[in-house]
Protein backbone atom coordinates (compact mmCIF):
# COMPACT_ATOMS: atom_id res chain seq x y z
CA MET A 1 0.00 0.00 0.00
CA THR A 2 1.34 3.44 -0.98
CA LEU A 3 -0.22 6.44 0.70
CA GLN A 4 0.14 9.92 -0.75
CA PRO A 5 -0.47 13.30 0.88
CA ALA A 6 -2.93 15.79 -0.52
CA GLN A 7 -1.55 17.62 -3.55
CA ARG A 8 -1.76 20.95 -1.71
CA LEU A 9 1.17 19.93 0.49
CA ALA A 10 3.46 20.09 -2.53
CA SER A 11 2.93 23.85 -2.62
CA VAL A 12 4.35 24.55 0.85
CA SER A 13 7.28 23.45 2.97
CA GLU A 14 7.59 22.95 6.70
CA TYR A 15 7.64 26.25 8.60
CA TYR A 16 11.24 27.46 8.92
CA PHE A 17 11.20 27.68 12.72
CA SER A 18 9.69 24.20 12.98
CA ARG A 19 12.42 22.75 10.79
CA LYS A 20 15.24 24.76 12.35
CA GLY A 21 13.96 23.98 15.83
CA LYS A 22 14.79 20.32 15.28
CA GLU A 23 18.36 21.23 14.39
CA ILE A 24 18.68 23.48 17.46
CA ALA A 25 17.28 20.69 19.68
CA ALA A 26 19.84 18.25 18.29
CA LEU A 27 22.66 20.72 18.96
CA GLN A 28 21.42 21.25 22.50
CA ALA A 29 21.20 17.49 23.05
CA ALA A 30 24.82 17.19 21.88
CA GLY A 31 25.91 19.59 24.61
CA HIS A 32 25.91 22.92 22.76
CA ASN A 33 24.53 25.89 24.70
CA ILE A 34 22.57 27.64 21.95
CA ILE A 35 21.22 31.10 22.75
CA SER A 36 18.12 31.73 20.64
CA LEU A 37 17.48 35.28 19.47
CA ALA A 38 15.20 34.09 16.70
CA ILE A 39 11.56 33.60 17.70
CA GLY A 40 9.24 36.32 18.96
CA SER A 41 7.82 34.44 21.94
CA PRO A 42 7.63 36.80 24.95
CA ASP A 43 9.51 35.31 27.90
CA MET A 44 7.83 37.44 30.57
CA PRO A 45 4.56 36.49 32.32
CA PRO A 46 1.19 38.19 32.04
CA SER A 47 0.11 40.54 34.81
CA PRO A 48 -0.45 38.91 38.23
CA GLU A 49 -4.16 39.81 38.05
CA THR A 50 -4.46 37.86 34.81
CA ILE A 51 -2.99 34.70 36.33
CA ASP A 52 -5.03 35.11 39.53
CA THR A 53 -8.24 35.31 37.48
CA LEU A 54 -7.40 32.13 35.58
CA GLN A 55 -6.66 30.24 38.80
CA ARG A 56 -9.77 31.49 40.58
CA GLU A 57 -12.17 30.82 37.73
CA ALA A 58 -10.73 27.38 36.98
CA GLN A 59 -11.68 26.28 40.51
CA LYS A 60 -15.38 26.73 39.77
CA PRO A 61 -17.15 23.42 39.00
CA GLU A 62 -19.33 24.98 36.31
CA ALA A 63 -16.38 26.44 34.35
CA HIS A 64 -15.44 23.43 32.24
CA GLY A 65 -18.18 23.10 29.64
CA TYR A 66 -18.23 24.04 25.96
CA GLN A 67 -18.19 27.76 25.28
CA PRO A 68 -19.81 29.73 22.43
CA THR A 69 -17.76 30.12 19.26
CA ARG A 70 -18.56 33.84 19.43
CA GLY A 71 -16.66 34.06 22.71
CA ILE A 72 -18.16 35.06 26.04
CA VAL A 73 -19.74 38.48 26.30
CA GLU A 74 -17.28 39.59 29.01
CA LEU A 75 -14.32 39.09 26.66
CA ARG A 76 -15.98 40.75 23.68
CA GLN A 77 -16.88 43.75 25.81
CA ALA A 78 -13.32 43.95 27.15
CA MET A 79 -11.91 43.84 23.62
CA ALA A 80 -14.26 46.60 22.48
CA ALA A 81 -13.32 48.71 25.50
CA PHE A 82 -9.61 48.11 24.81
CA TYR A 83 -10.04 49.47 21.28
CA GLU A 84 -12.05 52.46 22.50
CA ARG A 85 -9.49 53.31 25.16
CA ASN A 86 -6.29 52.77 23.19
CA TYR A 87 -7.23 53.36 19.54
CA GLN A 88 -10.28 55.64 19.92
CA VAL A 89 -12.27 53.16 17.81
CA SER A 90 -15.84 52.39 18.90
CA LEU A 91 -16.95 48.81 18.23
CA ASN A 92 -20.18 46.94 18.89
CA PRO A 93 -19.15 43.89 20.96
CA GLU A 94 -22.21 42.00 19.75
CA THR A 95 -21.56 42.31 16.02
CA GLU A 96 -18.06 43.73 15.33
CA VAL A 97 -15.69 41.86 17.68
CA GLN A 98 -14.65 38.21 17.39
CA PRO A 99 -12.23 36.52 19.83
CA LEU A 100 -9.81 34.11 18.16
CA ILE A 101 -7.61 31.20 19.19
CA GLY A 102 -4.61 33.35 18.21
CA SER A 103 -4.53 35.62 15.18
CA LYS A 104 -2.99 32.91 12.96
CA GLU A 105 -6.39 31.21 13.17
CA GLY A 106 -7.95 34.43 11.94
CA ILE A 107 -5.75 34.42 8.84
CA LEU A 108 -7.12 30.97 7.96
CA HIS A 109 -10.76 31.86 8.62
CA ILE A 110 -10.62 35.16 6.73
CA THR A 111 -9.12 33.48 3.69
CA LEU A 112 -11.69 30.67 3.75
CA ALA A 113 -14.50 33.21 4.08
CA LEU A 114 -13.41 35.67 1.37
CA VAL A 115 -11.17 33.94 -1.16
CA ASN A 116 -12.12 31.30 -3.73
CA PRO A 117 -9.53 28.96 -5.27
CA GLY A 118 -7.88 30.89 -8.10
CA ASP A 119 -8.62 34.31 -6.58
CA GLU A 120 -5.67 36.61 -5.92
CA VAL A 121 -4.36 37.98 -2.63
CA LEU A 122 -1.79 40.76 -2.31
CA VAL A 123 0.91 39.89 0.22
CA PRO A 124 3.79 42.12 1.43
CA ASP A 125 7.40 41.14 0.71
CA PRO A 126 8.97 40.97 3.27
CA GLY A 127 6.11 39.84 5.45
CA TYR A 128 4.75 37.21 7.80
CA PRO A 129 5.17 33.84 6.00
CA THR A 130 1.73 32.59 7.08
CA TYR A 131 -0.02 35.09 4.76
CA THR A 132 1.61 33.28 1.86
CA SER A 133 1.52 29.68 3.08
CA LEU A 134 -2.15 29.60 4.11
CA SER A 135 -3.24 31.38 0.93
CA THR A 136 -1.29 28.84 -1.10
CA LEU A 137 -2.70 25.87 0.82
CA LEU A 138 -6.22 27.13 0.13
CA GLY A 139 -5.63 27.49 -3.62
CA ALA A 140 -5.35 31.27 -3.83
CA CYS A 141 -2.87 32.97 -6.15
CA VAL A 142 -0.35 34.93 -4.08
CA VAL A 143 0.76 38.21 -5.66
CA LYS A 144 3.69 39.80 -3.80
CA TYR A 145 3.99 43.56 -3.46
CA ASN A 146 7.34 45.07 -2.57
CA LEU A 147 8.29 46.81 0.65
CA THR A 148 11.75 48.36 0.58
CA GLU A 149 14.03 50.16 2.98
CA ASN A 150 14.17 53.17 0.64
CA ASN A 151 10.41 53.63 1.08
CA ASP A 152 10.44 53.07 4.87
CA TRP A 153 8.90 49.62 4.26
CA GLN A 154 5.60 51.23 3.19
CA PRO A 155 3.63 50.09 0.11
CA ASP A 156 4.37 51.58 -3.29
CA PHE A 157 0.83 52.46 -4.36
CA GLY A 158 1.85 52.86 -7.97
CA GLU A 159 2.99 49.25 -7.93
CA LEU A 160 -0.23 48.17 -6.22
CA GLU A 161 -2.25 49.77 -9.02
CA ARG A 162 -0.29 47.69 -11.53
CA LEU A 163 -0.70 44.46 -9.54
CA VAL A 164 -4.40 44.62 -8.66
CA SER A 165 -6.86 42.79 -10.90
CA PRO A 166 -10.59 41.94 -10.93
CA ARG A 167 -9.66 38.66 -9.20
CA THR A 168 -7.98 40.39 -6.22
CA ARG A 169 -9.96 39.78 -3.04
CA ILE A 170 -7.63 40.71 -0.17
CA ILE A 171 -4.58 42.84 0.49
CA TRP A 172 -2.64 41.90 3.63
CA SER A 173 -1.11 44.72 5.66
CA ASN A 174 0.90 44.57 8.90
CA TYR A 175 1.98 47.62 10.92
CA PRO A 176 4.00 48.09 13.03
CA HIS A 177 5.68 45.86 10.50
CA MET A 178 7.08 42.42 11.12
CA PRO A 179 9.95 41.73 10.44
CA THR A 180 11.30 45.25 9.79
CA GLY A 181 9.82 47.20 12.71
CA ALA A 182 8.56 49.97 10.42
CA ARG A 183 6.05 52.19 12.20
CA ALA A 184 2.40 52.44 11.25
CA GLN A 185 1.64 55.60 9.29
CA ARG A 186 -1.77 57.25 9.12
CA GLU A 187 -1.18 58.19 5.46
CA THR A 188 -0.55 54.54 4.56
CA TYR A 189 -3.80 53.50 6.21
CA GLU A 190 -5.73 56.24 4.43
CA ARG A 191 -4.32 55.20 1.07
CA LEU A 192 -5.06 51.53 1.74
CA VAL A 193 -8.68 52.33 2.52
CA ASP A 194 -8.99 54.39 -0.68
CA PHE A 195 -7.32 51.58 -2.67
CA ALA A 196 -9.75 48.99 -1.28
CA GLN A 197 -12.81 51.14 -1.93
CA ARG A 198 -11.83 51.80 -5.54
CA HIS A 199 -11.01 48.15 -6.30
CA ASN A 200 -13.78 46.47 -4.29
CA LEU A 201 -11.50 44.40 -2.09
CA VAL A 202 -10.75 43.94 1.62
CA VAL A 203 -7.73 45.21 3.54
CA VAL A 204 -6.73 42.90 6.38
CA ASN A 205 -4.46 44.81 8.76
CA ASP A 206 -2.52 42.69 11.25
CA ASN A 207 -1.76 44.86 14.29
CA PRO A 208 -0.13 42.88 17.16
CA TYR A 209 2.93 45.07 17.78
CA SER A 210 1.60 48.55 18.54
CA PHE A 211 2.33 48.20 22.28
CA ILE A 212 5.95 47.04 21.89
CA LEU A 213 8.45 49.92 22.16
CA SER A 214 5.75 52.29 20.97
CA HIS A 215 3.51 54.83 22.65
CA GLU A 216 1.69 55.50 19.38
CA HIS A 217 -1.33 53.24 18.89
CA LEU A 218 -2.74 53.41 15.39
CA SER A 219 -5.51 51.28 13.89
CA ILE A 220 -6.67 51.23 10.29
CA LEU A 221 -10.22 51.40 11.67
CA GLN A 222 -9.54 54.99 12.69
CA VAL A 223 -9.75 56.00 9.01
CA PRO A 224 -13.19 57.19 7.81
CA GLY A 225 -14.75 54.55 5.56
CA ALA A 226 -12.50 51.75 6.83
CA ARG A 227 -15.43 49.86 8.36
CA ASP A 228 -16.79 49.21 4.86
CA CYS A 229 -13.71 47.41 3.56
CA CYS A 230 -11.26 46.59 6.37
CA ILE A 231 -10.67 43.84 8.90
CA GLU A 232 -8.17 44.27 11.71
CA LEU A 233 -6.46 41.45 13.57
CA ASN A 234 -4.85 41.95 16.95
CA SER A 235 -3.26 39.63 19.46
CA MET A 236 -2.59 39.39 23.17
CA SER A 237 0.50 37.25 22.57
CA LYS A 238 2.91 40.16 22.23
CA SER A 239 1.24 43.08 24.02
CA HIS A 240 0.13 41.12 27.10
CA ASN A 241 2.83 38.40 27.30
CA MET A 242 0.34 35.62 26.50
CA PRO A 243 1.71 33.73 23.45
CA GLY A 244 0.85 30.27 24.79
CA TRP A 245 -2.64 31.33 25.84
CA ARG A 246 -3.68 31.72 22.18
CA VAL A 247 -5.96 34.74 22.44
CA GLY A 248 -6.42 36.98 19.44
CA MET A 249 -9.16 39.28 18.24
CA LEU A 250 -10.78 40.21 14.96
CA MET A 251 -12.58 43.50 14.34
CA ALA A 252 -14.82 43.99 11.31
CA ASN A 253 -18.25 45.18 10.28
CA ALA A 254 -21.19 42.91 11.05
CA THR A 255 -21.43 41.46 7.54
CA LEU A 256 -17.77 40.52 7.22
CA LEU A 257 -17.74 39.11 10.73
CA SER A 258 -20.81 36.99 10.06
CA TRP A 259 -19.10 35.39 7.05
CA ILE A 260 -16.01 34.63 9.12
CA LEU A 261 -18.12 33.23 11.97
CA LYS A 262 -19.80 30.85 9.52
CA VAL A 263 -16.35 29.36 8.87
CA LYS A 264 -15.12 29.45 12.47
CA SER A 265 -18.25 27.84 13.92
CA ASN A 266 -17.67 24.79 11.71
CA ILE A 267 -14.01 24.43 12.72
CA ASP A 268 -13.71 25.01 16.47
CA SER A 269 -15.58 25.64 19.69
CA GLY A 270 -15.03 28.44 22.14
CA THR A 271 -11.95 28.76 24.34
CA PHE A 272 -11.91 27.59 27.99
CA ARG A 273 -14.10 30.04 29.93
CA PRO A 274 -11.59 30.82 32.74
CA LEU A 275 -8.98 31.64 30.10
CA GLN A 276 -11.40 34.03 28.41
CA LEU A 277 -12.16 35.74 31.71
CA ALA A 278 -8.44 36.03 32.45
CA ALA A 279 -7.90 37.57 29.01
CA ALA A 280 -10.66 40.08 29.74
CA GLN A 281 -8.81 40.97 32.95
CA ALA A 282 -5.54 41.39 31.04
CA LEU A 283 -7.18 43.81 28.64
CA ASN A 284 -7.80 46.04 31.64
CA ASN A 285 -4.15 46.15 32.71
CA ALA A 286 -3.13 49.59 33.91
CA PRO A 287 -1.00 51.60 31.47
CA GLU A 288 1.79 51.42 34.05
CA TRP A 289 1.95 47.64 33.61
CA HIS A 290 2.68 48.00 29.90
CA GLU A 291 5.22 50.72 30.58
CA GLU A 292 7.09 48.90 33.33
CA ALA A 293 6.69 45.25 32.35
CA ASN A 294 7.15 45.65 28.61
CA ILE A 295 8.45 48.93 27.24
CA ALA A 296 11.18 49.41 29.84
CA THR A 297 12.38 45.81 29.50
CA TYR A 298 12.31 45.78 25.72
CA SER A 299 14.14 49.12 25.64
CA ARG A 300 17.05 47.66 27.60
CA ARG A 301 17.11 44.59 25.39
CA ARG A 302 16.93 46.69 22.26
CA ALA A 303 20.10 48.51 23.29
CA ILE A 304 21.94 45.18 23.51
CA ALA A 305 20.50 44.02 20.17
CA GLU A 306 21.85 47.18 18.54
CA LYS A 307 25.32 46.31 19.86
CA ILE A 308 24.96 42.82 18.39
CA MET A 309 24.04 44.34 15.02
CA ASP A 310 27.10 46.61 15.29
CA ALA A 311 29.28 43.57 16.01
CA LEU A 312 27.85 41.88 12.90
CA ARG A 313 28.53 45.07 10.90
CA CYS A 314 24.83 45.29 10.03
CA THR A 315 22.98 48.57 9.57
CA TYR A 316 19.54 49.17 11.12
CA ASP A 317 16.87 51.81 11.69
CA ARG A 318 17.01 53.30 15.19
CA ARG A 319 13.41 54.51 14.77
CA SER A 320 11.94 51.03 14.34
CA VAL A 321 9.62 49.49 16.94
CA GLY A 322 8.29 46.05 17.82
CA MET A 323 10.03 43.09 19.42
CA PHE A 324 12.64 42.52 16.70
CA LEU A 325 15.59 44.41 15.30
CA TRP A 326 16.05 44.16 11.52
CA GLY A 327 19.50 44.73 10.05
CA ARG A 328 21.06 44.81 6.60
CA ILE A 329 24.14 42.60 6.23
CA PRO A 330 27.47 44.00 4.98
CA ASP A 331 28.05 44.12 1.23
CA ASP A 332 30.99 41.71 1.47
CA ILE A 333 28.80 38.87 2.77
CA ALA A 334 27.16 36.86 0.00
CA GLU A 335 23.82 36.19 1.70
CA ALA A 336 22.19 36.44 5.10
CA GLU A 337 22.13 32.70 5.77
CA THR A 338 25.91 32.59 5.38
CA LEU A 339 26.10 34.98 8.32
CA THR A 340 23.40 33.35 10.46
CA GLU A 341 24.82 29.84 9.99
CA ARG A 342 28.31 31.02 10.95
CA VAL A 343 26.92 32.75 14.04
CA LEU A 344 24.95 29.60 14.95
CA HIS A 345 27.78 27.12 14.57
CA LYS A 346 30.71 29.29 15.69
CA ALA A 347 29.13 31.51 18.35
CA GLU A 348 26.20 29.22 19.19
CA VAL A 349 23.69 32.06 18.77
CA PHE A 350 20.56 31.55 16.67
CA ILE A 351 19.36 34.61 14.74
CA THR A 352 16.97 34.64 11.80
CA PRO A 353 17.93 35.08 8.14
CA GLY A 354 15.59 37.49 6.39
CA PHE A 355 14.96 35.33 3.33
CA ILE A 356 12.21 33.45 5.17
CA PHE A 357 10.11 36.64 5.03
CA GLY A 358 10.44 37.07 1.26
CA GLU A 359 12.80 37.97 -1.54
CA ASN A 360 13.24 41.50 -0.18
CA GLY A 361 14.60 40.07 3.06
CA ARG A 362 17.53 38.24 1.51
CA ARG A 363 20.12 40.80 2.62
CA TYR A 364 18.79 41.16 6.14
CA VAL A 365 18.85 39.39 9.48
CA ARG A 366 16.43 39.66 12.41
CA ILE A 367 17.17 39.60 16.13
CA SER A 368 14.39 38.86 18.62
CA LEU A 369 14.19 40.79 21.88
CA CYS A 370 12.53 37.84 23.62
CA ALA A 371 15.53 36.73 25.68
CA LYS A 372 16.78 37.72 29.10
CA GLU A 373 19.33 40.53 29.21
CA GLU A 374 21.95 38.16 30.60
CA GLN A 375 21.50 35.84 27.61
CA MET A 376 21.66 38.74 25.17
CA GLN A 377 24.85 40.04 26.80
CA GLU A 378 26.37 36.56 26.54
CA ALA A 379 25.32 36.38 22.87
CA LEU A 380 26.96 39.77 22.28
CA GLN A 381 30.23 38.63 23.85
CA ARG A 382 30.27 35.42 21.81
CA ILE A 383 29.65 37.29 18.56
CA GLN A 384 32.26 39.93 19.36
CA LYS A 385 34.82 37.13 19.70
CA LEU A 386 34.10 36.14 16.08
């Protein structure tokens, strides 16, 4: 008997960090002390009140049943209040807010709800690989649009006009940008809304990094007319130190959300109720928690990451935000992976080559700020010795 996978698997490869993680695990098992500055998984805990709420609610005998796919009302109300307070965007928690099991789930559900096989989606290059891989798995045609350092990693709208077609259904946007750290710009959001309205398509803006090293909180939903043609994803993984909790949120008008819910309700059930209540508590963290627990810590780590980039002779933008530092490799190095592999095997430090984010990332590397300062200092010393 010869079994064969579905043909769609031929169009994608194993996620880079999944594949590379096996190699790192093997090196660790062989006695190598690898310091990982690669993955953006916050290493700090959520607020104490968040954890207390989870523990308290989990003790209740009635807490363990199935939950509504829509999410509990307490969480939807907390998400709407979070957007009102931080982005000055008013949302109806009954019809315009959808909790997610992480925002990656939202990427899948949005694509299933809006894109037919053979339709086109516009995806940034460089950009989050999941935009491309899930679109490809679902039979969409991925059309890359270029983001470049010379344009502050913002879209070239002249190029977008040349790339869009009657088959284009979605344009993916992500600011503050991963992997480059480019800041969100109000003008970019305004032009994206205008672009979507004129071409009858949907902008999906992925917005998980606006609380990391940034006091400026922008949402595409702040733009007049955005409700008609935009969806925004957000996540508690980065901003609230909850990556393993898998809590994301989707904001859209009632019609778009109803289409997405039709997909979601056939795929999963609601998240554990105590976890949802704890997430609602986290959304009410005091501003001081974000300032002290996150921004101050990431600022110290960012200073060390800049020294690592200097040691690697990479150039970078001191204005960038988010939990990564993006640097251009020296001209005398052939490609980024040459540098990252040497750093891995000679200095035992794992940093990310930019090619995994697209063709425009080939001459860049990315350093995560999700490591203790002591580890980052040790990584710096190892790299300096090279």
